[in-house]
Each structure stands twice: as structure tokens, then as C-alpha cells.
Amino acid sequence: MKSSKNRLSEIIGKWRKRRKGYFVVYAKEGKRFVVPLCYLNHPIFKVLLEMAEEEFGSTVDGPLQVPCEEELMDFILTLLRNNWHLDIEKAFVSLNSTTSCKGAAMIPST
């Protein structure tokens, strides 16, 4: 029978592994997000990656990090998961030309 310490290590190891078809990205504060690979082709995500390249450079060692606060990243992933209307997406993408990724201040109020 396995010790509880070994069992816990095994569970944590499985939890940390990425699932096929997904990648990991970190928000500014370090919150980890597991994101479907198909989001990489979405205009919103392309803007985030461009912003990350501008802020961190194109040859960053380590995990992929975007220059957004976790609240904004949660909002972006909600937009993508729910396939919100294209006009909302266009408005969000246009924010890139006027401001940097500053979290909740960019999230439209509902």
C-alpha cells in the first residue's frame, strides 16, 4: 500500500500535467490558466501574444506569460468559451491600440 505522501505526490503530478490539445499560460500575478490550443488562432489571443512579446521579448525562457491581470484573463477566456458576438471581440481587440493590459479597468461593466 502506498503512503499518503506518495499518493499525494502522484495526484499533484497528474493535476499539473497538461492535457493534450491545451497549453499553459500565466497571468501577470502568476495565476496559471490551461487554455485550448484552438484559442491561439483567435484575434483576442493573438493580441495578447503580441503584447507579451512587446513586454517580455520573443526569446523568453520559461513559461508563457501574458501582461494581464488575472481578472482580465478570466474575462478573455469567458469571452472565448462562450463565443460572444464579434462586435464585442472587435471592441476588445481595438483596446490594444489605446491602452495596455491593465486588468479590471478594461472589463466592460454589465
PDB file of N, CA and C in Angstrom:
ATOM      1  N   MET A   1       0.835  -1.192   0.000  1.00  0.00           N
ATOM      2  CA  MET A   1       0.000   0.000   0.000  1.00  0.00           C
ATOM      3  C   MET A   1       0.882   1.259   0.000  1.00  0.00           C
ATOM      4  N   LYS A   2       0.529   2.213  -0.820  1.00  0.00           N
ATOM      5  CA  LYS A   2       1.302   3.444  -0.933  1.00  0.00           C
ATOM      6  C   LYS A   2       1.062   4.327   0.280  1.00  0.00           C
ATOM      7  N   SER A   3       2.125   5.052   0.665  1.00  0.00           N
ATOM      8  CA  SER A   3       1.956   6.004   1.761  1.00  0.00           C
ATOM      9  C   SER A   3       1.128   7.189   1.263  1.00  0.00           C
ATOM     10  N   SER A   4       0.538   7.900   2.196  1.00  0.00           N
ATOM     11  CA  SER A   4      -0.294   9.043   1.807  1.00  0.00           C
ATOM     12  C   SER A   4       0.542  10.128   1.147  1.00  0.00           C
ATOM     13  N   LYS A   5       1.821  10.253   1.544  1.00  0.00           N
ATOM     14  CA  LYS A   5       2.703  11.251   0.933  1.00  0.00           C
ATOM     15  C   LYS A   5       2.950  10.908  -0.532  1.00  0.00           C
ATOM     16  N   ASN A   6       3.223   9.628  -0.820  1.00  0.00           N
ATOM     17  CA  ASN A   6       3.441   9.209  -2.210  1.00  0.00           C
ATOM     18  C   ASN A   6       2.169   9.387  -3.031  1.00  0.00           C
ATOM     19  N   ARG A   7       1.048   9.051  -2.443  1.00  0.00           N
ATOM     20  CA  ARG A   7      -0.242   9.183  -3.146  1.00  0.00           C
ATOM     21  C   ARG A   7      -0.519  10.653  -3.481  1.00  0.00           C
ATOM     22  N   LEU A   8      -0.264  11.540  -2.523  1.00  0.00           N
ATOM     23  CA  LEU A   8      -0.469  12.971  -2.741  1.00  0.00           C
ATOM     24  C   LEU A   8       0.447  13.482  -3.856  1.00  0.00           C
ATOM     25  N   SER A   9       1.700  13.054  -3.851  1.00  0.00           N
ATOM     26  CA  SER A   9       2.637  13.452  -4.915  1.00  0.00           C
ATOM     27  C   SER A   9       2.148  12.988  -6.277  1.00  0.00           C
ATOM     28  N   GLU A  10       1.606  11.784  -6.330  1.00  0.00           N
ATOM     29  CA  GLU A  10       1.085  11.229  -7.578  1.00  0.00           C
ATOM     30  C   GLU A  10      -0.110  12.046  -8.081  1.00  0.00           C
ATOM     31  N   ILE A  11      -1.011  12.409  -7.184  1.00  0.00           N
ATOM     32  CA  ILE A  11      -2.196  13.201  -7.546  1.00  0.00           C
ATOM     33  C   ILE A  11      -1.775  14.585  -8.047  1.00  0.00           C
ATOM     34  N   ILE A  12      -0.840  15.210  -7.340  1.00  0.00           N
ATOM     35  CA  ILE A  12      -0.372  16.534  -7.741  1.00  0.00           C
ATOM     36  C   ILE A  12       0.305  16.464  -9.101  1.00  0.00           C
ATOM     37  N   GLY A  13       1.094  15.436  -9.336  1.00  0.00           N
ATOM     38  CA  GLY A  13       1.768  15.265 -10.622  1.00  0.00           C
ATOM     39  C   GLY A  13       0.789  15.146 -11.766  1.00  0.00           C
ATOM     40  N   LYS A  14      -0.278  14.396 -11.570  1.00  0.00           N
ATOM     41  CA  LYS A  14      -1.306  14.247 -12.614  1.00  0.00           C
ATOM     42  C   LYS A  14      -2.029  15.566 -12.842  1.00  0.00           C
ATOM     43  N   TRP A  15      -2.295  16.302 -11.775  1.00  0.00           N
ATOM     44  CA  TRP A  15      -3.019  17.570 -11.887  1.00  0.00           C
ATOM     45  C   TRP A  15      -2.197  18.586 -12.674  1.00  0.00           C
ATOM     46  N   ARG A  16      -0.893  18.585 -12.459  1.00  0.00           N
ATOM     47  CA  ARG A  16      -0.033  19.575 -13.105  1.00  0.00           C
ATOM     48  C   ARG A  16       0.212  19.289 -14.579  1.00  0.00           C
ATOM     49  N   LYS A  17       0.045  18.067 -15.010  1.00  0.00           N
ATOM     50  CA  LYS A  17       0.276  17.735 -16.412  1.00  0.00           C
ATOM     51  C   LYS A  17      -0.777  18.394 -17.278  1.00  0.00           C
ATOM     52  N   ARG A  18      -0.327  18.876 -18.419  1.00  0.00           N
ATOM     53  CA  ARG A  18      -1.269  19.476 -19.357  1.00  0.00           C
ATOM     54  C   ARG A  18      -1.980  18.379 -20.124  1.00  0.00           C
ATOM     55  N   ARG A  19      -3.215  18.644 -20.440  1.00  0.00           N
ATOM     56  CA  ARG A  19      -3.970  17.715 -21.275  1.00  0.00           C
ATOM     57  C   ARG A  19      -3.608  17.958 -22.727  1.00  0.00           C
ATOM     58  N   LYS A  20      -3.743  16.920 -23.553  1.00  0.00           N
ATOM     59  CA  LYS A  20      -3.489  17.093 -24.979  1.00  0.00           C
ATOM     60  C   LYS A  20      -4.449  18.124 -25.539  1.00  0.00           C
ATOM     61  N   GLY A  21      -3.935  18.973 -26.427  1.00  0.00           N
ATOM     62  CA  GLY A  21      -4.773  19.986 -27.051  1.00  0.00           C
ATOM     63  C   GLY A  21      -4.885  21.265 -26.236  1.00  0.00           C
ATOM     64  N   TYR A  22      -4.080  21.382 -25.179  1.00  0.00           N
ATOM     65  CA  TYR A  22      -4.120  22.562 -24.311  1.00  0.00           C
ATOM     66  C   TYR A  22      -2.699  23.066 -24.083  1.00  0.00           C
ATOM     67  N   PHE A  23      -2.584  24.323 -23.662  1.00  0.00           N
ATOM     68  CA  PHE A  23      -1.298  24.866 -23.256  1.00  0.00           C
ATOM     69  C   PHE A  23      -1.512  25.693 -21.998  1.00  0.00           C
ATOM     70  N   VAL A  24      -0.420  25.986 -21.323  1.00  0.00           N
ATOM     71  CA  VAL A  24      -0.493  26.736 -20.072  1.00  0.00           C
ATOM     72  C   VAL A  24       0.022  28.147 -20.315  1.00  0.00           C
ATOM     73  N   VAL A  25      -0.684  29.100 -19.754  1.00  0.00           N
ATOM     74  CA  VAL A  25      -0.275  30.498 -19.818  1.00  0.00           C
ATOM     75  C   VAL A  25      -0.459  31.082 -18.416  1.00  0.00           C
ATOM     76  N   TYR A  26       0.415  32.002 -18.068  1.00  0.00           N
ATOM     77  CA  TYR A  26       0.366  32.627 -16.749  1.00  0.00           C
ATOM     78  C   TYR A  26       0.018  34.105 -16.881  1.00  0.00           C
ATOM     79  N   ALA A  27      -0.863  34.565 -15.986  1.00  0.00           N
ATOM     80  CA  ALA A  27      -1.191  35.992 -15.922  1.00  0.00           C
ATOM     81  C   ALA A  27      -0.054  36.721 -15.206  1.00  0.00           C
ATOM     82  N   LYS A  28      -0.126  38.025 -15.207  1.00  0.00           N
ATOM     83  CA  LYS A  28       0.911  38.877 -14.629  1.00  0.00           C
ATOM     84  C   LYS A  28       1.269  38.474 -13.192  1.00  0.00           C
ATOM     85  N   GLU A  29       0.250  38.177 -12.383  1.00  0.00           N
ATOM     86  CA  GLU A  29       0.477  37.861 -10.971  1.00  0.00           C
ATOM     87  C   GLU A  29       0.887  36.404 -10.759  1.00  0.00           C
ATOM     88  N   GLY A  30       0.904  35.622 -11.843  1.00  0.00           N
ATOM     89  CA  GLY A  30       1.333  34.236 -11.720  1.00  0.00           C
ATOM     90  C   GLY A  30       0.223  33.207 -11.717  1.00  0.00           C
ATOM     91  N   LYS A  31      -1.041  33.628 -11.845  1.00  0.00           N
ATOM     92  CA  LYS A  31      -2.117  32.640 -11.892  1.00  0.00           C
ATOM     93  C   LYS A  31      -1.986  31.818 -13.172  1.00  0.00           C
ATOM     94  N   ARG A  32      -2.149  30.522 -13.028  1.00  0.00           N
ATOM     95  CA  ARG A  32      -1.977  29.568 -14.134  1.00  0.00           C
ATOM     96  C   ARG A  32      -3.321  29.305 -14.803  1.00  0.00           C
ATOM     97  N   PHE A  33      -3.324  29.368 -16.145  1.00  0.00           N
ATOM     98  CA  PHE A  33      -4.510  29.076 -16.935  1.00  0.00           C
ATOM     99  C   PHE A  33      -4.181  27.972 -17.924  1.00  0.00           C
ATOM    100  N   VAL A  34      -5.053  26.984 -18.022  1.00  0.00           N
ATOM    101  CA  VAL A  34      -4.926  25.920 -19.018  1.00  0.00           C
ATOM    102  C   VAL A  34      -5.901  26.262 -20.133  1.00  0.00           C
ATOM    103  N   VAL A  35      -5.354  26.481 -21.335  1.00  0.00           N
ATOM    104  CA  VAL A  35      -6.106  27.067 -22.434  1.00  0.00           C
ATOM    105  C   VAL A  35      -6.094  26.133 -23.651  1.00  0.00           C
ATOM    106  N   PRO A  36      -7.238  25.954 -24.315  1.00  0.00           N
ATOM    107  CA  PRO A  36      -7.256  25.127 -25.531  1.00  0.00           C
ATOM    108  C   PRO A  36      -6.359  25.723 -26.623  1.00  0.00           C
ATOM    109  N   LEU A  37      -5.651  24.866 -27.327  1.00  0.00           N
ATOM    110  CA  LEU A  37      -4.758  25.315 -28.405  1.00  0.00           C
ATOM    111  C   LEU A  37      -5.491  26.107 -29.481  1.00  0.00           C
ATOM    112  N   CYS A  38      -6.755  25.783 -29.727  1.00  0.00           N
ATOM    113  CA  CYS A  38      -7.506  26.476 -30.781  1.00  0.00           C
ATOM    114  C   CYS A  38      -7.633  27.979 -30.502  1.00  0.00           C
ATOM    115  N   TYR A  39      -7.484  28.412 -29.234  1.00  0.00           N
ATOM    116  CA  TYR A  39      -7.569  29.839 -28.913  1.00  0.00           C
ATOM    117  C   TYR A  39      -6.393  30.624 -29.494  1.00  0.00           C
ATOM    118  N   LEU A  40      -5.297  29.954 -29.818  1.00  0.00           N
ATOM    119  CA  LEU A  40      -4.137  30.653 -30.372  1.00  0.00           C
ATOM    120  C   LEU A  40      -4.447  31.339 -31.693  1.00  0.00           C
ATOM    121  N   ASN A  41      -5.441  30.852 -32.420  1.00  0.00           N
ATOM    122  CA  ASN A  41      -5.814  31.449 -33.703  1.00  0.00           C
ATOM    123  C   ASN A  41      -6.834  32.566 -33.564  1.00  0.00           C
ATOM    124  N   HIS A  42      -7.310  32.822 -32.375  1.00  0.00           N
ATOM    125  CA  HIS A  42      -8.339  33.837 -32.162  1.00  0.00           C
ATOM    126  C   HIS A  42      -7.702  35.231 -32.098  1.00  0.00           C
ATOM    127  N   PRO A  43      -8.339  36.243 -32.699  1.00  0.00           N
ATOM    128  CA  PRO A  43      -7.775  37.606 -32.699  1.00  0.00           C
ATOM    129  C   PRO A  43      -7.451  38.147 -31.309  1.00  0.00           C
ATOM    130  N   ILE A  44      -8.292  37.865 -30.324  1.00  0.00           N
ATOM    131  CA  ILE A  44      -8.025  38.360 -28.970  1.00  0.00           C
ATOM    132  C   ILE A  44      -6.725  37.774 -28.446  1.00  0.00           C
ATOM    133  N   PHE A  45      -6.554  36.482 -28.646  1.00  0.00           N
ATOM    134  CA  PHE A  45      -5.364  35.836 -28.121  1.00  0.00           C
ATOM    135  C   PHE A  45      -4.121  36.264 -28.891  1.00  0.00           C
ATOM    136  N   LYS A  46      -4.272  36.505 -30.179  1.00  0.00           N
ATOM    137  CA  LYS A  46      -3.135  36.994 -30.962  1.00  0.00           C
ATOM    138  C   LYS A  46      -2.653  38.342 -30.426  1.00  0.00           C
ATOM    139  N   VAL A  47      -3.590  39.202 -30.051  1.00  0.00           N
ATOM    140  CA  VAL A  47      -3.226  40.499 -29.477  1.00  0.00           C
ATOM    141  C   VAL A  47      -2.501  40.292 -28.151  1.00  0.00           C
ATOM    142  N   LEU A  48      -2.980  39.388 -27.327  1.00  0.00           N
ATOM    143  CA  LEU A  48      -2.317  39.114 -26.051  1.00  0.00           C
ATOM    144  C   LEU A  48      -0.879  38.641 -26.266  1.00  0.00           C
ATOM    145  N   LEU A  49      -0.690  37.763 -27.233  1.00  0.00           N
ATOM    146  CA  LEU A  49       0.655  37.255 -27.511  1.00  0.00           C
ATOM    147  C   LEU A  49       1.569  38.351 -28.047  1.00  0.00           C
ATOM    148  N   GLU A  50       1.028  39.246 -28.867  1.00  0.00           N
ATOM    149  CA  GLU A  50       1.813  40.382 -29.354  1.00  0.00           C
ATOM    150  C   GLU A  50       2.218  41.289 -28.197  1.00  0.00           C
ATOM    151  N   MET A  51       1.283  41.526 -27.280  1.00  0.00           N
ATOM    152  CA  MET A  51       1.572  42.350 -26.110  1.00  0.00           C
ATOM    153  C   MET A  51       2.638  41.692 -25.236  1.00  0.00           C
ATOM    154  N   ALA A  52       2.558  40.365 -25.091  1.00  0.00           N
ATOM    155  CA  ALA A  52       3.552  39.633 -24.304  1.00  0.00           C
ATOM    156  C   ALA A  52       4.926  39.752 -24.940  1.00  0.00           C
ATOM    157  N   GLU A  53       4.970  39.664 -26.273  1.00  0.00           N
ATOM    158  CA  GLU A  53       6.250  39.787 -26.974  1.00  0.00           C
ATOM    159  C   GLU A  53       6.837  41.178 -26.788  1.00  0.00           C
ATOM    160  N   GLU A  54       5.983  42.205 -26.851  1.00  0.00           N
ATOM    161  CA  GLU A  54       6.454  43.580 -26.655  1.00  0.00           C
ATOM    162  C   GLU A  54       7.016  43.777 -25.251  1.00  0.00           C
ATOM    163  N   GLU A  55       6.334  43.210 -24.254  1.00  0.00           N
ATOM    164  CA  GLU A  55       6.748  43.424 -22.871  1.00  0.00           C
ATOM    165  C   GLU A  55       7.903  42.527 -22.446  1.00  0.00           C
ATOM    166  N   PHE A  56       7.877  41.259 -22.856  1.00  0.00           N
ATOM    167  CA  PHE A  56       8.858  40.292 -22.363  1.00  0.00           C
ATOM    168  C   PHE A  56       9.893  39.881 -23.399  1.00  0.00           C
ATOM    169  N   GLY A  57       9.685  40.246 -24.666  1.00  0.00           N
ATOM    170  CA  GLY A  57      10.598  39.846 -25.728  1.00  0.00           C
ATOM    171  C   GLY A  57      10.181  38.525 -26.346  1.00  0.00           C
ATOM    172  N   SER A  58      10.807  38.194 -27.465  1.00  0.00           N
ATOM    173  CA  SER A  58      10.393  36.979 -28.178  1.00  0.00           C
ATOM    174  C   SER A  58      11.186  35.751 -27.774  1.00  0.00           C
ATOM    175  N   THR A  59      12.262  35.924 -27.022  1.00  0.00           N
ATOM    176  CA  THR A  59      13.073  34.784 -26.614  1.00  0.00           C
ATOM    177  C   THR A  59      13.071  34.637 -25.099  1.00  0.00           C
ATOM    178  N   VAL A  60      11.895  34.524 -24.535  1.00  0.00           N
ATOM    179  CA  VAL A  60      11.758  34.385 -23.090  1.00  0.00           C
ATOM    180  C   VAL A  60      11.943  32.925 -22.709  1.00  0.00           C
ATOM    181  N   ASP A  61      12.784  32.690 -21.716  1.00  0.00           N
ATOM    182  CA  ASP A  61      12.926  31.339 -21.173  1.00  0.00           C
ATOM    183  C   ASP A  61      11.858  31.148 -20.110  1.00  0.00           C
ATOM    184  N   GLY A  62      11.309  29.963 -20.061  1.00  0.00           N
ATOM    185  CA  GLY A  62      10.312  29.664 -19.048  1.00  0.00           C
ATOM    186  C   GLY A  62       8.913  29.639 -19.611  1.00  0.00           C
ATOM    187  N   PRO A  63       7.927  29.668 -18.725  1.00  0.00           N
ATOM    188  CA  PRO A  63       6.538  29.549 -19.162  1.00  0.00           C
ATOM    189  C   PRO A  63       6.035  30.780 -19.906  1.00  0.00           C
ATOM    190  N   LEU A  64       4.990  30.572 -20.694  1.00  0.00           N
ATOM    191  CA  LEU A  64       4.354  31.660 -21.428  1.00  0.00           C
ATOM    192  C   LEU A  64       3.594  32.534 -20.449  1.00  0.00           C
ATOM    193  N   GLN A  65       3.895  33.828 -20.473  1.00  0.00           N
ATOM    194  CA  GLN A  65       3.226  34.775 -19.583  1.00  0.00           C
ATOM    195  C   GLN A  65       2.656  35.909 -20.418  1.00  0.00           C
ATOM    196  N   VAL A  66       1.444  36.340 -20.066  1.00  0.00           N
ATOM    197  CA  VAL A  66       0.831  37.484 -20.733  1.00  0.00           C
ATOM    198  C   VAL A  66       0.789  38.648 -19.746  1.00  0.00           C
ATOM    199  N   PRO A  67       0.901  39.882 -20.240  1.00  0.00           N
ATOM    200  CA  PRO A  67       0.959  41.045 -19.355  1.00  0.00           C
ATOM    201  C   PRO A  67      -0.423  41.518 -18.914  1.00  0.00           C
ATOM    202  N   CYS A  68      -1.238  40.598 -18.430  1.00  0.00           N
ATOM    203  CA  CYS A  68      -2.598  40.917 -17.986  1.00  0.00           C
ATOM    204  C   CYS A  68      -2.813  40.445 -16.565  1.00  0.00           C
ATOM    205  N   GLU A  69      -3.652  41.159 -15.864  1.00  0.00           N
ATOM    206  CA  GLU A  69      -4.045  40.719 -14.538  1.00  0.00           C
ATOM    207  C   GLU A  69      -5.006  39.546 -14.685  1.00  0.00           C
ATOM    208  N   GLU A  70      -5.096  38.743 -13.651  1.00  0.00           N
ATOM    209  CA  GLU A  70      -5.887  37.514 -13.737  1.00  0.00           C
ATOM    210  C   GLU A  70      -7.369  37.768 -13.994  1.00  0.00           C
ATOM    211  N   GLU A  71      -7.922  38.878 -13.510  1.00  0.00           N
ATOM    212  CA  GLU A  71      -9.327  39.171 -13.754  1.00  0.00           C
ATOM    213  C   GLU A  71      -9.595  39.355 -15.246  1.00  0.00           C
ATOM    214  N   LEU A  72      -8.677  40.049 -15.915  1.00  0.00           N
ATOM    215  CA  LEU A  72      -8.840  40.266 -17.347  1.00  0.00           C
ATOM    216  C   LEU A  72      -8.676  38.954 -18.114  1.00  0.00           C
ATOM    217  N   MET A  73      -7.734  38.139 -17.692  1.00  0.00           N
ATOM    218  CA  MET A  73      -7.539  36.845 -18.353  1.00  0.00           C
ATOM    219  C   MET A  73      -8.777  35.970 -18.188  1.00  0.00           C
ATOM    220  N   ASP A  74      -9.370  35.980 -16.999  1.00  0.00           N
ATOM    221  CA  ASP A  74     -10.629  35.250 -16.779  1.00  0.00           C
ATOM    222  C   ASP A  74     -11.710  35.753 -17.726  1.00  0.00           C
ATOM    223  N   PHE A  75     -11.805  37.083 -17.885  1.00  0.00           N
ATOM    224  CA  PHE A  75     -12.799  37.681 -18.768  1.00  0.00           C
ATOM    225  C   PHE A  75     -12.570  37.260 -20.221  1.00  0.00           C
ATOM    226  N   ILE A  76     -11.313  37.301 -20.647  1.00  0.00           N
ATOM    227  CA  ILE A  76     -10.982  36.914 -22.028  1.00  0.00           C
ATOM    228  C   ILE A  76     -11.367  35.465 -22.281  1.00  0.00           C
ATOM    229  N   LEU A  77     -11.025  34.590 -21.356  1.00  0.00           N
ATOM    230  CA  LEU A  77     -11.347  33.170 -21.542  1.00  0.00           C
ATOM    231  C   LEU A  77     -12.854  32.934 -21.520  1.00  0.00           C
ATOM    232  N   THR A  78     -13.579  33.713 -20.737  1.00  0.00           N
ATOM    233  CA  THR A  78     -15.047  33.616 -20.743  1.00  0.00           C
ATOM    234  C   THR A  78     -15.589  34.033 -22.101  1.00  0.00           C
ATOM    235  N   LEU A  79     -15.054  35.124 -22.647  1.00  0.00           N
ATOM    236  CA  LEU A  79     -15.456  35.560 -23.986  1.00  0.00           C
ATOM    237  C   LEU A  79     -15.254  34.452 -25.008  1.00  0.00           C
ATOM    238  N   LEU A  80     -14.085  33.849 -24.977  1.00  0.00           N
ATOM    239  CA  LEU A  80     -13.758  32.825 -25.956  1.00  0.00           C
ATOM    240  C   LEU A  80     -14.585  31.558 -25.761  1.00  0.00           C
ATOM    241  N   ARG A  81     -14.771  31.146 -24.527  1.00  0.00           N
ATOM    242  CA  ARG A  81     -15.564  29.939 -24.244  1.00  0.00           C
ATOM    243  C   ARG A  81     -17.002  30.083 -24.705  1.00  0.00           C
ATOM    244  N   ASN A  82     -17.556  31.268 -24.536  1.00  0.00           N
ATOM    245  CA  ASN A  82     -18.974  31.497 -24.847  1.00  0.00           C
ATOM    246  C   ASN A  82     -19.219  31.996 -26.258  1.00  0.00           C
ATOM    247  N   ASN A  83     -18.168  32.144 -27.052  1.00  0.00           N
ATOM    248  CA  ASN A  83     -18.290  32.624 -28.431  1.00  0.00           C
ATOM    249  C   ASN A  83     -19.131  33.891 -28.515  1.00  0.00           C
ATOM    250  N   TRP A  84     -18.784  34.879 -27.694  1.00  0.00           N
ATOM    251  CA  TRP A  84     -19.542  36.116 -27.688  1.00  0.00           C
ATOM    252  C   TRP A  84     -19.501  36.782 -29.043  1.00  0.00           C
ATOM    253  N   HIS A  85     -20.411  37.672 -29.246  1.00  0.00           N
ATOM    254  CA  HIS A  85     -20.602  38.351 -30.517  1.00  0.00           C
ATOM    255  C   HIS A  85     -19.323  39.024 -31.010  1.00  0.00           C
ATOM    256  N   LEU A  86     -19.101  38.979 -32.295  1.00  0.00           N
ATOM    257  CA  LEU A  86     -17.885  39.506 -32.921  1.00  0.00           C
ATOM    258  C   LEU A  86     -17.663  40.982 -32.603  1.00  0.00           C
ATOM    259  N   ASP A  87     -18.725  41.777 -32.477  1.00  0.00           N
ATOM    260  CA  ASP A  87     -18.562  43.201 -32.181  1.00  0.00           C
ATOM    261  C   ASP A  87     -17.866  43.425 -30.846  1.00  0.00           C
ATOM    262  N   ILE A  88     -18.188  42.602 -29.856  1.00  0.00           N
ATOM    263  CA  ILE A  88     -17.534  42.712 -28.551  1.00  0.00           C
ATOM    264  C   ILE A  88     -16.054  42.381 -28.705  1.00  0.00           C
ATOM    265  N   GLU A  89     -15.771  41.348 -29.477  1.00  0.00           N
ATOM    266  CA  GLU A  89     -14.381  40.953 -29.701  1.00  0.00           C
ATOM    267  C   GLU A  89     -13.612  42.064 -30.408  1.00  0.00           C
ATOM    268  N   LYS A  90     -14.211  42.679 -31.419  1.00  0.00           N
ATOM    269  CA  LYS A  90     -13.551  43.766 -32.145  1.00  0.00           C
ATOM    270  C   LYS A  90     -13.264  44.939 -31.204  1.00  0.00           C
ATOM    271  N   ALA A  91     -14.216  45.262 -30.357  1.00  0.00           N
ATOM    272  CA  ALA A  91     -14.024  46.354 -29.409  1.00  0.00           C
ATOM    273  C   ALA A  91     -12.865  46.040 -28.464  1.00  0.00           C
ATOM    274  N   PHE A  92     -12.796  44.804 -28.014  1.00  0.00           N
ATOM    275  CA  PHE A  92     -11.725  44.418 -27.109  1.00  0.00           C
ATOM    276  C   PHE A  92     -10.370  44.491 -27.806  1.00  0.00           C
ATOM    277  N   VAL A  93     -10.296  43.964 -29.013  1.00  0.00           N
ATOM    278  CA  VAL A  93      -9.036  43.978 -29.761  1.00  0.00           C
ATOM    279  C   VAL A  93      -8.594  45.411 -30.017  1.00  0.00           C
ATOM    280  N   SER A  94      -9.532  46.301 -30.261  1.00  0.00           N
ATOM    281  CA  SER A  94      -9.175  47.693 -30.526  1.00  0.00           C
ATOM    282  C   SER A  94      -8.583  48.372 -29.290  1.00  0.00           C
ATOM    283  N   LEU A  95      -8.833  47.838 -28.110  1.00  0.00           N
ATOM    284  CA  LEU A  95      -8.260  48.413 -26.906  1.00  0.00           C
ATOM    285  C   LEU A  95      -6.742  48.350 -26.936  1.00  0.00           C
ATOM    286  N   ASN A  96      -6.205  47.399 -27.639  1.00  0.00           N
ATOM    287  CA  ASN A  96      -4.755  47.257 -27.713  1.00  0.00           C
ATOM    288  C   ASN A  96      -4.097  48.512 -28.262  1.00  0.00           C
ATOM    289  N   SER A  97      -4.771  49.198 -29.143  1.00  0.00           N
ATOM    290  CA  SER A  97      -4.167  50.389 -29.741  1.00  0.00           C
ATOM    291  C   SER A  97      -4.258  51.612 -28.827  1.00  0.00           C
ATOM    292  N   THR A  98      -5.085  51.532 -27.769  1.00  0.00           N
ATOM    293  CA  THR A  98      -5.263  52.709 -26.920  1.00  0.00           C
ATOM    294  C   THR A  98      -4.737  52.547 -25.513  1.00  0.00           C
ATOM    295  N   THR A  99      -4.508  51.328 -25.053  1.00  0.00           N
ATOM    296  CA  THR A  99      -4.076  51.127 -23.666  1.00  0.00           C
ATOM    297  C   THR A  99      -3.352  49.807 -23.528  1.00  0.00           C
ATOM    298  N   SER A 100      -2.684  49.642 -22.429  1.00  0.00           N
ATOM    299  CA  SER A 100      -2.043  48.355 -22.161  1.00  0.00           C
ATOM    300  C   SER A 100      -2.989  47.489 -21.333  1.00  0.00           C
ATOM    301  N   CYS A 101      -2.597  46.288 -21.107  1.00  0.00           N
ATOM    302  CA  CYS A 101      -3.423  45.289 -20.431  1.00  0.00           C
ATOM    303  C   CYS A 101      -3.453  45.584 -18.933  1.00  0.00           C
ATOM    304  N   LYS A 102      -4.451  46.286 -18.464  1.00  0.00           N
ATOM    305  CA  LYS A 102      -4.475  46.719 -17.067  1.00  0.00           C
ATOM    306  C   LYS A 102      -5.603  46.110 -16.245  1.00  0.00           C
ATOM    307  N   GLY A 103      -6.062  44.947 -16.604  1.00  0.00           N
ATOM    308  CA  GLY A 103      -6.992  44.215 -15.753  1.00  0.00           C
ATOM    309  C   GLY A 103      -8.406  44.734 -15.743  1.00  0.00           C
ATOM    310  N   ALA A 104      -8.982  44.785 -14.543  1.00  0.00           N
ATOM    311  CA  ALA A 104     -10.405  45.055 -14.379  1.00  0.00           C
ATOM    312  C   ALA A 104     -10.834  46.386 -14.980  1.00  0.00           C
ATOM    313  N   ALA A 105      -9.929  47.342 -15.083  1.00  0.00           N
ATOM    314  CA  ALA A 105     -10.295  48.634 -15.658  1.00  0.00           C
ATOM    315  C   ALA A 105     -10.717  48.503 -17.112  1.00  0.00           C
ATOM    316  N   MET A 106     -10.279  47.429 -17.786  1.00  0.00           N
ATOM    317  CA  MET A 106     -10.611  47.232 -19.189  1.00  0.00           C
ATOM    318  C   MET A 106     -11.876  46.398 -19.377  1.00  0.00           C
ATOM    319  N   ILE A 107     -12.344  45.776 -18.317  1.00  0.00           N
ATOM    320  CA  ILE A 107     -13.503  44.906 -18.437  1.00  0.00           C
ATOM    321  C   ILE A 107     -14.762  45.757 -18.485  1.00  0.00           C
ATOM    322  N   PRO A 108     -15.557  45.628 -19.550  1.00  0.00           N
ATOM    323  CA  PRO A 108     -16.774  46.427 -19.637  1.00  0.00           C
ATOM    324  C   PRO A 108     -17.744  46.059 -18.525  1.00  0.00           C
ATOM    325  N   SER A 109     -18.414  47.048 -17.959  1.00  0.00           N
ATOM    326  CA  SER A 109     -19.394  46.751 -16.918  1.00  0.00           C
ATOM    327  C   SER A 109     -20.661  46.211 -17.559  1.00  0.00           C
ATOM    328  N   THR A 110     -21.326  45.310 -16.840  1.00  0.00           N
ATOM    329  CA  THR A 110     -22.550  44.700 -17.376  1.00  0.00           C
ATOM    330  C   THR A 110     -23.758  45.182 -16.629  1.00  0.00           C
TER     331      THR A 110
END
